[in-house]
Structure formats: structure tokens, C-alpha cells
């Protein structure tokens, strides 16, 4: 069995005048949410083997807070996660079949659509993924990342 864990970034500050969306930091509330997400993962022994993280500041800060709770893991910035479609996210995950537990840190709507698509086979079934929300998907070891291939094992939000 393999696991794909999706972690949406925590609450971010609104963009200031002239600030790029990529540069938005976490809010104080977001930092607390990210720390809680890290504790939840640690308490359930869901420490990833590898992390792929969007390059945005809010996702990187979310990941830093999570790693503060779970410890260091193999982590890579992955520009394709920013504004990714579910198809792009599945391709990225499929490229990391060598790990048993992969964590993606990124954004909506791609993450909530991916969770629904992997579980039910339909992206229109998504119910939303709040800031710092976590979806844990289980797949058979040799299964490809494709619609309907996963079981939703856990869903959490702060």
C-alpha cells in the first residue's frame, strides 16, 4: 500500500499593494494551523518519505511548521504544483512511485479536486479542502495515480 498525503497551505495574509501572489506569507492564524497539522501527522505516524512543495511563500512556511513537528524529511520545491490541475498533480505523484508515503503541499482548487478525483473518480464531487486541510489517500502498491484508484483513509482540518 502507498499513501498520498495532500496538505493545503494554511491561512495566508492577503496580498498587499504590488505584492505577487507567490510572496504572500502565512497569517498568525495560519502558522498555528500549520503547526497543528504537523502535530496531527506526527501523532498518527504519517511522517512522509518525501515532500513536494509549491514554491509559494505560504506553502513553504506551512511545510516549515509541519517539519518542526515531524522532523526532517526529503523535500523538494516543485513549481508545477502552483496553480496545478488534478491531472498535473497526478502526473507529479506518479513520478515518485519509489516512495511509500508522498506528501504534496499546495493549493486549491487543484488539491480538493484531486482528492475527489482519486477517491470517487469525479472531480465534481469535491466538498472543499479548508486551509491546512489534510487528505490521506491509500493506493495499492502498483496502482497508477488515476481517477478512482485511491481510498480516502483520513481527512482532517484545524
N, C-alpha and C. Protein backbone atom coordinates (compact mmCIF):
# COMPACT_ATOMS: atom_id res chain seq x y z
N UNK A 1 0.84 -1.18 0.00
CA UNK A 1 0.00 0.00 0.00
C UNK A 1 0.89 1.25 0.00
N UNK A 2 0.52 2.21 -0.82
CA UNK A 2 1.19 3.52 -0.83
C UNK A 2 0.23 4.56 -0.31
N UNK A 3 0.80 5.66 0.18
CA UNK A 3 -0.03 6.76 0.67
C UNK A 3 0.35 8.05 -0.04
N UNK A 4 -0.66 8.79 -0.43
CA UNK A 4 -0.51 10.14 -0.94
C UNK A 4 -1.20 11.05 0.06
N UNK A 5 -0.44 11.98 0.62
CA UNK A 5 -0.99 12.93 1.58
C UNK A 5 -1.01 14.30 0.91
N UNK A 6 -2.18 14.92 0.91
CA UNK A 6 -2.34 16.27 0.37
C UNK A 6 -2.51 17.23 1.52
N UNK A 7 -1.69 18.26 1.56
CA UNK A 7 -1.77 19.29 2.60
C UNK A 7 -1.94 20.63 1.90
N UNK A 8 -3.09 21.23 2.09
CA UNK A 8 -3.30 22.57 1.57
C UNK A 8 -2.60 23.56 2.50
N UNK A 9 -2.03 24.61 1.94
CA UNK A 9 -1.37 25.60 2.78
C UNK A 9 -2.35 26.18 3.79
N UNK A 10 -1.82 26.66 4.89
CA UNK A 10 -2.62 27.28 5.94
C UNK A 10 -3.03 28.70 5.52
N UNK A 11 -3.84 29.35 6.36
CA UNK A 11 -4.32 30.70 6.06
C UNK A 11 -3.15 31.65 5.79
N UNK A 12 -3.28 32.42 4.73
CA UNK A 12 -2.25 33.38 4.35
C UNK A 12 -2.78 34.80 4.50
N UNK A 13 -1.84 35.72 4.62
CA UNK A 13 -2.20 37.14 4.64
C UNK A 13 -2.69 37.53 3.25
N UNK A 14 -3.61 38.49 3.18
CA UNK A 14 -4.00 38.99 1.86
C UNK A 14 -2.81 39.71 1.21
N UNK A 15 -2.80 39.73 -0.10
CA UNK A 15 -1.73 40.41 -0.82
C UNK A 15 -1.78 41.92 -0.53
N UNK A 16 -0.61 42.50 -0.35
CA UNK A 16 -0.53 43.95 -0.20
C UNK A 16 -0.36 44.55 -1.60
N UNK A 17 -0.50 45.85 -1.69
CA UNK A 17 -0.38 46.53 -2.98
C UNK A 17 0.95 46.18 -3.65
N UNK A 18 0.87 45.67 -4.86
CA UNK A 18 2.06 45.35 -5.62
C UNK A 18 2.73 44.03 -5.25
N UNK A 19 2.19 43.32 -4.28
CA UNK A 19 2.80 42.05 -3.85
C UNK A 19 2.32 40.91 -4.75
N UNK A 20 3.25 40.11 -5.22
CA UNK A 20 2.90 38.93 -6.03
C UNK A 20 2.22 37.89 -5.16
N UNK A 21 1.29 37.15 -5.74
CA UNK A 21 0.59 36.10 -5.01
C UNK A 21 1.57 35.08 -4.43
N UNK A 22 2.63 34.78 -5.16
CA UNK A 22 3.64 33.82 -4.68
C UNK A 22 4.31 34.26 -3.38
N UNK A 23 4.30 35.55 -3.09
CA UNK A 23 5.02 36.10 -1.94
C UNK A 23 4.17 36.29 -0.70
N UNK A 24 2.90 35.87 -0.72
CA UNK A 24 2.03 36.05 0.44
C UNK A 24 2.47 35.13 1.58
N UNK A 25 2.71 35.69 2.78
CA UNK A 25 3.11 34.86 3.93
C UNK A 25 1.91 34.29 4.67
N UNK A 26 2.17 33.35 5.56
CA UNK A 26 1.12 32.87 6.45
C UNK A 26 0.72 33.97 7.42
N UNK A 27 -0.54 33.96 7.81
CA UNK A 27 -1.01 34.83 8.87
C UNK A 27 -0.65 34.17 10.21
N UNK A 28 -0.75 34.88 11.33
CA UNK A 28 -0.53 34.23 12.63
C UNK A 28 -1.46 33.02 12.82
N UNK A 29 -2.72 33.16 12.38
CA UNK A 29 -3.67 32.03 12.45
C UNK A 29 -3.16 30.87 11.60
N UNK A 30 -2.63 31.18 10.43
CA UNK A 30 -2.11 30.16 9.53
C UNK A 30 -0.93 29.42 10.13
N UNK A 31 -0.05 30.14 10.79
CA UNK A 31 1.10 29.49 11.43
C UNK A 31 0.62 28.49 12.49
N UNK A 32 -0.37 28.88 13.29
CA UNK A 32 -0.92 27.96 14.30
C UNK A 32 -1.57 26.75 13.64
N UNK A 33 -2.26 26.96 12.52
CA UNK A 33 -2.89 25.85 11.79
C UNK A 33 -1.82 24.88 11.26
N UNK A 34 -0.76 25.43 10.69
CA UNK A 34 0.30 24.60 10.13
C UNK A 34 0.99 23.77 11.22
N UNK A 35 1.21 24.38 12.37
CA UNK A 35 1.80 23.65 13.49
C UNK A 35 0.88 22.52 13.95
N UNK A 36 -0.43 22.79 13.97
CA UNK A 36 -1.41 21.77 14.35
C UNK A 36 -1.43 20.63 13.33
N UNK A 37 -1.29 20.96 12.05
CA UNK A 37 -1.24 19.93 11.01
C UNK A 37 -0.03 19.03 11.21
N UNK A 38 1.10 19.62 11.54
CA UNK A 38 2.30 18.83 11.81
C UNK A 38 2.13 17.91 12.99
N UNK A 39 1.50 18.40 14.05
CA UNK A 39 1.25 17.55 15.22
C UNK A 39 0.32 16.40 14.86
N UNK A 40 -0.72 16.69 14.07
CA UNK A 40 -1.67 15.65 13.66
C UNK A 40 -0.95 14.55 12.88
N UNK A 41 -0.11 14.94 11.93
CA UNK A 41 0.64 13.96 11.15
C UNK A 41 1.56 13.13 12.05
N UNK A 42 2.27 13.80 12.96
CA UNK A 42 3.19 13.09 13.86
C UNK A 42 2.44 12.11 14.76
N UNK A 43 1.33 12.55 15.34
CA UNK A 43 0.56 11.70 16.26
C UNK A 43 0.01 10.46 15.57
N UNK A 44 -0.24 10.55 14.28
CA UNK A 44 -0.77 9.41 13.52
C UNK A 44 0.32 8.65 12.78
N UNK A 45 1.55 9.02 13.07
CA UNK A 45 2.72 8.38 12.46
C UNK A 45 2.65 8.42 10.93
N UNK A 46 2.26 9.58 10.42
CA UNK A 46 2.15 9.81 8.98
C UNK A 46 3.29 10.70 8.49
N UNK A 47 4.49 10.37 8.93
CA UNK A 47 5.67 11.12 8.51
C UNK A 47 5.99 10.71 7.07
N UNK A 48 6.04 11.67 6.15
CA UNK A 48 6.27 11.32 4.75
C UNK A 48 7.71 10.90 4.48
N UNK A 49 7.86 10.10 3.43
CA UNK A 49 9.19 9.74 2.95
C UNK A 49 9.77 10.86 2.08
N UNK A 50 8.88 11.58 1.41
CA UNK A 50 9.30 12.68 0.54
C UNK A 50 8.18 13.71 0.49
N UNK A 51 8.58 14.98 0.35
CA UNK A 51 7.62 16.08 0.22
C UNK A 51 7.91 16.84 -1.07
N UNK A 52 6.85 17.12 -1.80
CA UNK A 52 6.91 18.02 -2.94
C UNK A 52 6.08 19.24 -2.57
N UNK A 53 6.69 20.41 -2.63
CA UNK A 53 6.06 21.63 -2.14
C UNK A 53 6.03 22.70 -3.23
N UNK A 54 4.91 23.35 -3.35
CA UNK A 54 4.79 24.51 -4.23
C UNK A 54 5.82 25.56 -3.79
N UNK A 55 6.32 26.37 -4.72
CA UNK A 55 7.31 27.38 -4.34
C UNK A 55 6.75 28.62 -3.68
N UNK A 56 5.44 28.72 -3.51
CA UNK A 56 4.89 29.92 -2.90
C UNK A 56 5.35 30.04 -1.44
N UNK A 57 5.42 31.27 -0.98
CA UNK A 57 5.89 31.50 0.40
C UNK A 57 4.96 30.83 1.41
N UNK A 58 3.65 30.91 1.21
CA UNK A 58 2.71 30.35 2.18
C UNK A 58 2.81 28.82 2.26
N UNK A 59 3.11 28.16 1.13
CA UNK A 59 3.27 26.70 1.20
C UNK A 59 4.60 26.34 1.86
N UNK A 60 5.64 27.09 1.55
CA UNK A 60 6.95 26.82 2.17
C UNK A 60 6.89 27.04 3.68
N UNK A 61 6.19 28.09 4.11
CA UNK A 61 6.05 28.35 5.55
C UNK A 61 5.18 27.28 6.22
N UNK A 62 4.16 26.80 5.51
CA UNK A 62 3.34 25.70 6.05
C UNK A 62 4.21 24.47 6.24
N UNK A 63 5.01 24.15 5.23
CA UNK A 63 5.88 22.98 5.32
C UNK A 63 6.90 23.13 6.45
N UNK A 64 7.49 24.30 6.62
CA UNK A 64 8.46 24.52 7.71
C UNK A 64 7.83 24.21 9.06
N UNK A 65 6.60 24.69 9.27
CA UNK A 65 5.92 24.45 10.54
C UNK A 65 5.63 22.96 10.73
N UNK A 66 5.22 22.28 9.67
CA UNK A 66 4.95 20.84 9.74
C UNK A 66 6.23 20.08 10.08
N UNK A 67 7.32 20.44 9.41
CA UNK A 67 8.59 19.75 9.66
C UNK A 67 9.09 20.00 11.08
N UNK A 68 8.70 21.12 11.67
CA UNK A 68 9.04 21.37 13.06
C UNK A 68 8.45 20.32 13.98
N UNK A 69 7.33 19.73 13.58
CA UNK A 69 6.69 18.69 14.39
C UNK A 69 7.13 17.29 13.99
N UNK A 70 7.31 17.03 12.69
CA UNK A 70 7.60 15.66 12.26
C UNK A 70 9.07 15.38 12.05
N UNK A 71 9.90 16.42 11.98
CA UNK A 71 11.33 16.24 11.75
C UNK A 71 11.66 16.37 10.28
N UNK A 72 12.94 16.30 9.99
CA UNK A 72 13.42 16.48 8.62
C UNK A 72 13.03 15.29 7.75
N UNK A 73 12.59 15.58 6.53
CA UNK A 73 12.35 14.55 5.51
C UNK A 73 12.86 15.09 4.18
N UNK A 74 13.02 14.22 3.21
CA UNK A 74 13.41 14.60 1.86
C UNK A 74 12.34 15.55 1.31
N UNK A 75 12.76 16.75 0.94
CA UNK A 75 11.81 17.77 0.47
C UNK A 75 12.33 18.45 -0.78
N UNK A 76 11.40 18.73 -1.69
CA UNK A 76 11.76 19.34 -2.96
C UNK A 76 10.72 20.39 -3.33
N UNK A 77 11.20 21.53 -3.79
CA UNK A 77 10.27 22.53 -4.33
C UNK A 77 9.87 22.06 -5.72
N UNK A 78 8.60 22.14 -6.00
CA UNK A 78 8.07 21.69 -7.29
C UNK A 78 7.19 22.79 -7.87
N UNK A 79 7.75 23.62 -8.77
CA UNK A 79 6.99 24.73 -9.35
C UNK A 79 5.68 24.33 -10.01
N UNK A 80 5.57 23.13 -10.53
CA UNK A 80 4.36 22.70 -11.23
C UNK A 80 3.15 22.58 -10.30
N UNK A 81 3.37 22.53 -8.98
CA UNK A 81 2.24 22.42 -8.05
C UNK A 81 1.45 23.73 -7.98
N UNK A 82 2.13 24.85 -8.16
CA UNK A 82 1.44 26.14 -8.10
C UNK A 82 0.46 26.23 -9.26
N UNK A 83 -0.81 26.42 -8.94
CA UNK A 83 -1.91 26.52 -9.93
C UNK A 83 -2.08 25.24 -10.74
N UNK A 84 -1.71 24.09 -10.19
CA UNK A 84 -1.80 22.82 -10.91
C UNK A 84 -3.23 22.31 -11.01
N UNK A 85 -3.49 21.62 -12.10
CA UNK A 85 -4.74 20.89 -12.27
C UNK A 85 -4.60 19.53 -11.60
N UNK A 86 -5.71 18.85 -11.36
CA UNK A 86 -5.60 17.49 -10.81
C UNK A 86 -4.75 16.57 -11.69
N UNK A 87 -4.85 16.71 -13.01
CA UNK A 87 -4.06 15.87 -13.90
C UNK A 87 -2.57 16.10 -13.72
N UNK A 88 -2.16 17.35 -13.60
CA UNK A 88 -0.76 17.68 -13.37
C UNK A 88 -0.28 17.10 -12.05
N UNK A 89 -1.10 17.21 -11.02
CA UNK A 89 -0.74 16.69 -9.70
C UNK A 89 -0.61 15.16 -9.72
N UNK A 90 -1.50 14.48 -10.46
CA UNK A 90 -1.40 13.02 -10.57
C UNK A 90 -0.11 12.63 -11.29
N UNK A 91 0.25 13.35 -12.33
CA UNK A 91 1.50 13.07 -13.04
C UNK A 91 2.71 13.26 -12.13
N UNK A 92 2.70 14.32 -11.34
CA UNK A 92 3.80 14.56 -10.40
C UNK A 92 3.91 13.41 -9.40
N UNK A 93 2.79 13.05 -8.80
CA UNK A 93 2.79 11.97 -7.81
C UNK A 93 3.23 10.66 -8.44
N UNK A 94 2.78 10.40 -9.65
CA UNK A 94 3.13 9.16 -10.33
C UNK A 94 4.63 9.07 -10.61
N UNK A 95 5.29 10.20 -10.70
CA UNK A 95 6.72 10.23 -10.92
C UNK A 95 7.54 9.91 -9.68
N UNK A 96 6.86 9.67 -8.55
CA UNK A 96 7.55 9.38 -7.29
C UNK A 96 7.07 8.05 -6.70
N UNK A 97 6.92 7.06 -7.57
CA UNK A 97 6.47 5.73 -7.15
C UNK A 97 7.47 5.03 -6.23
N UNK A 98 8.69 5.57 -6.18
CA UNK A 98 9.73 4.93 -5.38
C UNK A 98 9.56 5.18 -3.88
N UNK A 99 8.61 6.03 -3.49
CA UNK A 99 8.39 6.29 -2.07
C UNK A 99 7.04 5.72 -1.64
N UNK A 100 6.97 5.25 -0.40
CA UNK A 100 5.73 4.69 0.12
C UNK A 100 4.75 5.76 0.56
N UNK A 101 5.26 6.88 1.09
CA UNK A 101 4.38 7.93 1.60
C UNK A 101 4.86 9.27 1.04
N UNK A 102 4.07 9.84 0.14
CA UNK A 102 4.40 11.09 -0.52
C UNK A 102 3.46 12.18 -0.02
N UNK A 103 4.02 13.31 0.38
CA UNK A 103 3.25 14.47 0.82
C UNK A 103 3.39 15.56 -0.23
N UNK A 104 2.25 16.08 -0.69
CA UNK A 104 2.23 17.25 -1.56
C UNK A 104 1.70 18.42 -0.75
N UNK A 105 2.36 19.56 -0.83
CA UNK A 105 1.92 20.78 -0.15
C UNK A 105 1.60 21.80 -1.22
N UNK A 106 0.34 22.23 -1.27
CA UNK A 106 -0.06 23.11 -2.35
C UNK A 106 -1.35 23.85 -2.11
N UNK A 107 -2.15 23.93 -3.17
CA UNK A 107 -3.24 24.91 -3.24
C UNK A 107 -4.55 24.28 -3.74
N UNK A 108 -5.62 25.00 -3.46
CA UNK A 108 -6.92 24.73 -4.08
C UNK A 108 -7.04 25.60 -5.32
N UNK A 109 -7.88 25.28 -6.27
CA UNK A 109 -8.82 24.16 -6.23
C UNK A 109 -8.21 22.81 -6.62
N UNK A 110 -6.98 22.81 -7.08
CA UNK A 110 -6.37 21.56 -7.53
C UNK A 110 -6.37 20.45 -6.50
N UNK A 111 -6.08 20.78 -5.22
CA UNK A 111 -5.98 19.73 -4.20
C UNK A 111 -7.33 19.11 -3.89
N UNK A 112 -8.37 19.95 -3.70
CA UNK A 112 -9.67 19.38 -3.37
C UNK A 112 -10.23 18.59 -4.55
N UNK A 113 -9.95 19.04 -5.77
CA UNK A 113 -10.40 18.30 -6.94
C UNK A 113 -9.63 16.98 -7.08
N UNK A 114 -8.33 17.00 -6.81
CA UNK A 114 -7.53 15.77 -6.87
C UNK A 114 -8.02 14.75 -5.86
N UNK A 115 -8.29 15.17 -4.64
CA UNK A 115 -8.77 14.24 -3.61
C UNK A 115 -10.06 13.57 -4.06
N UNK A 116 -10.99 14.35 -4.60
CA UNK A 116 -12.25 13.79 -5.07
C UNK A 116 -12.03 12.86 -6.26
N UNK A 117 -11.21 13.28 -7.20
CA UNK A 117 -10.96 12.50 -8.40
C UNK A 117 -10.30 11.16 -8.08
N UNK A 118 -9.30 11.19 -7.20
CA UNK A 118 -8.60 9.95 -6.83
C UNK A 118 -9.53 9.00 -6.07
N UNK A 119 -10.42 9.55 -5.27
CA UNK A 119 -11.30 8.73 -4.45
C UNK A 119 -12.54 8.25 -5.22
N UNK A 120 -13.27 9.19 -5.82
CA UNK A 120 -14.55 8.83 -6.43
C UNK A 120 -14.49 8.71 -7.94
N UNK A 121 -13.41 9.21 -8.54
CA UNK A 121 -13.32 9.20 -9.99
C UNK A 121 -13.92 10.43 -10.65
N UNK A 122 -14.47 11.35 -9.83
CA UNK A 122 -15.10 12.56 -10.37
C UNK A 122 -14.64 13.78 -9.59
N UNK A 123 -14.06 14.74 -10.29
CA UNK A 123 -13.58 15.94 -9.59
C UNK A 123 -14.72 16.83 -9.16
N UNK A 124 -15.88 16.68 -9.75
CA UNK A 124 -17.03 17.49 -9.36
C UNK A 124 -17.59 17.10 -8.01
N UNK A 125 -17.13 15.98 -7.45
CA UNK A 125 -17.62 15.52 -6.15
C UNK A 125 -16.94 16.19 -4.97
N UNK A 126 -15.98 17.10 -5.25
CA UNK A 126 -15.23 17.63 -4.12
C UNK A 126 -16.11 18.45 -3.19
N UNK A 127 -15.78 18.39 -1.92
CA UNK A 127 -16.56 19.07 -0.88
C UNK A 127 -15.81 20.26 -0.29
N UNK A 128 -14.60 20.48 -0.75
CA UNK A 128 -13.81 21.57 -0.21
C UNK A 128 -12.69 21.05 0.65
N UNK A 129 -11.63 21.82 0.67
CA UNK A 129 -10.47 21.49 1.50
C UNK A 129 -10.03 22.80 2.15
N UNK A 130 -10.31 22.95 3.44
CA UNK A 130 -10.01 24.21 4.10
C UNK A 130 -8.51 24.44 4.24
N UNK A 131 -8.10 25.67 4.53
CA UNK A 131 -6.69 25.94 4.76
C UNK A 131 -6.12 24.99 5.83
N UNK A 132 -4.94 24.45 5.54
CA UNK A 132 -4.24 23.47 6.38
C UNK A 132 -4.96 22.13 6.44
N UNK A 133 -5.93 21.91 5.57
CA UNK A 133 -6.62 20.63 5.50
C UNK A 133 -5.70 19.55 4.96
N UNK A 134 -5.92 18.33 5.44
CA UNK A 134 -5.10 17.18 5.04
C UNK A 134 -6.03 16.08 4.55
N UNK A 135 -5.70 15.53 3.39
CA UNK A 135 -6.38 14.34 2.87
C UNK A 135 -5.33 13.24 2.74
N UNK A 136 -5.62 12.07 3.30
CA UNK A 136 -4.72 10.92 3.22
C UNK A 136 -5.39 9.89 2.32
N UNK A 137 -4.72 9.58 1.21
CA UNK A 137 -5.24 8.64 0.22
C UNK A 137 -4.37 7.38 0.20
N UNK A 138 -5.00 6.21 0.20
CA UNK A 138 -4.30 4.93 0.11
C UNK A 138 -4.49 4.37 -1.29
N UNK A 139 -3.40 3.86 -1.87
CA UNK A 139 -3.43 3.23 -3.18
C UNK A 139 -2.73 1.88 -3.10
N UNK A 140 -3.20 0.91 -3.88
CA UNK A 140 -2.43 -0.34 -3.96
C UNK A 140 -1.01 -0.04 -4.44
N UNK A 141 -0.07 -0.83 -4.00
CA UNK A 141 1.36 -0.59 -4.26
C UNK A 141 1.68 -0.33 -5.73
N UNK A 142 1.15 -1.11 -6.62
CA UNK A 142 1.49 -0.98 -8.04
C UNK A 142 0.49 -0.15 -8.83
N UNK A 143 -0.52 0.40 -8.19
CA UNK A 143 -1.55 1.17 -8.91
C UNK A 143 -0.99 2.49 -9.42
N UNK A 144 -1.48 2.89 -10.58
CA UNK A 144 -1.14 4.21 -11.12
C UNK A 144 -2.01 5.25 -10.43
N UNK A 145 -1.53 6.47 -10.41
CA UNK A 145 -2.34 7.57 -9.89
C UNK A 145 -3.33 7.93 -10.99
N UNK A 146 -4.57 7.48 -10.81
CA UNK A 146 -5.61 7.73 -11.80
C UNK A 146 -6.95 7.83 -11.09
N UNK A 147 -7.96 8.38 -11.78
CA UNK A 147 -9.27 8.54 -11.16
C UNK A 147 -9.81 7.25 -10.56
N UNK A 148 -10.30 7.37 -9.33
CA UNK A 148 -10.92 6.25 -8.65
C UNK A 148 -9.96 5.21 -8.10
N UNK A 149 -8.66 5.43 -8.17
CA UNK A 149 -7.67 4.42 -7.76
C UNK A 149 -7.40 4.41 -6.26
N UNK A 150 -7.86 5.40 -5.54
CA UNK A 150 -7.48 5.54 -4.13
C UNK A 150 -8.67 5.45 -3.19
N UNK A 151 -8.35 5.15 -1.96
CA UNK A 151 -9.33 5.15 -0.88
C UNK A 151 -8.99 6.32 0.03
N UNK A 152 -9.98 7.12 0.39
CA UNK A 152 -9.75 8.22 1.32
C UNK A 152 -9.66 7.63 2.72
N UNK A 153 -8.46 7.62 3.29
CA UNK A 153 -8.22 6.98 4.59
C UNK A 153 -8.45 7.94 5.75
N UNK A 154 -8.22 9.23 5.52
CA UNK A 154 -8.40 10.22 6.59
C UNK A 154 -8.56 11.60 5.95
N UNK A 155 -9.31 12.44 6.65
CA UNK A 155 -9.45 13.84 6.26
C UNK A 155 -9.47 14.66 7.54
N UNK A 156 -8.63 15.68 7.60
CA UNK A 156 -8.50 16.48 8.82
C UNK A 156 -8.35 17.94 8.46
N UNK A 157 -8.84 18.79 9.33
CA UNK A 157 -8.59 20.24 9.21
C UNK A 157 -8.59 20.83 10.60
N UNK A 158 -7.86 21.95 10.77
CA UNK A 158 -7.77 22.55 12.13
C UNK A 158 -9.06 23.22 12.56
